[in-house]
Amino acid sequence: MLRQAQDAGRTWEIANALINLAHALCRSGQTAQAKEIYCQAAELAREHDAPSLIAEALGGLAEVLYREGHSGAAAQGLAAALAHPGANAEMRQYFADLTARLQPPETWNPARLDGAMAHLLR
């Protein structure tokens, strides 16, 4: 699917496929690679004005942080993702387990975000 989207130049589909790949990598414990791919996908999404994909990539980065043992930063990142204008019901459902585990604050502090997340929110 990724190769087909690349061949056709469909940026939204490419970013979406990258996010799905990063989700699989993250949940299989390959967090470093997942982080890299979430950032790649979010940059594509930002360049082509796809806010729902940016929000989902931010949520993915929060999950990476959680799986790497950085719960405080993960909670801040997840709060930023959930507050993002692109956050939608599908994304909230996907991260429901993480939300329950982290109980992110209602508001988030940009100073406490991971560097990759802060960059994506600029």
Foldseek 3Di string as FASTA:
>chain_A
DLVVCVVVVPLLVNLVVLLVVLVVCLVVPNLVVSLVSLLVSLVSCVVVVQQLSVLLSLLSNLSSCVSVPNLVQSLLSNLCSCPGPNHDPVSCVVCVVVCVVRVRDPHHDLVSHDPSSNVSVD
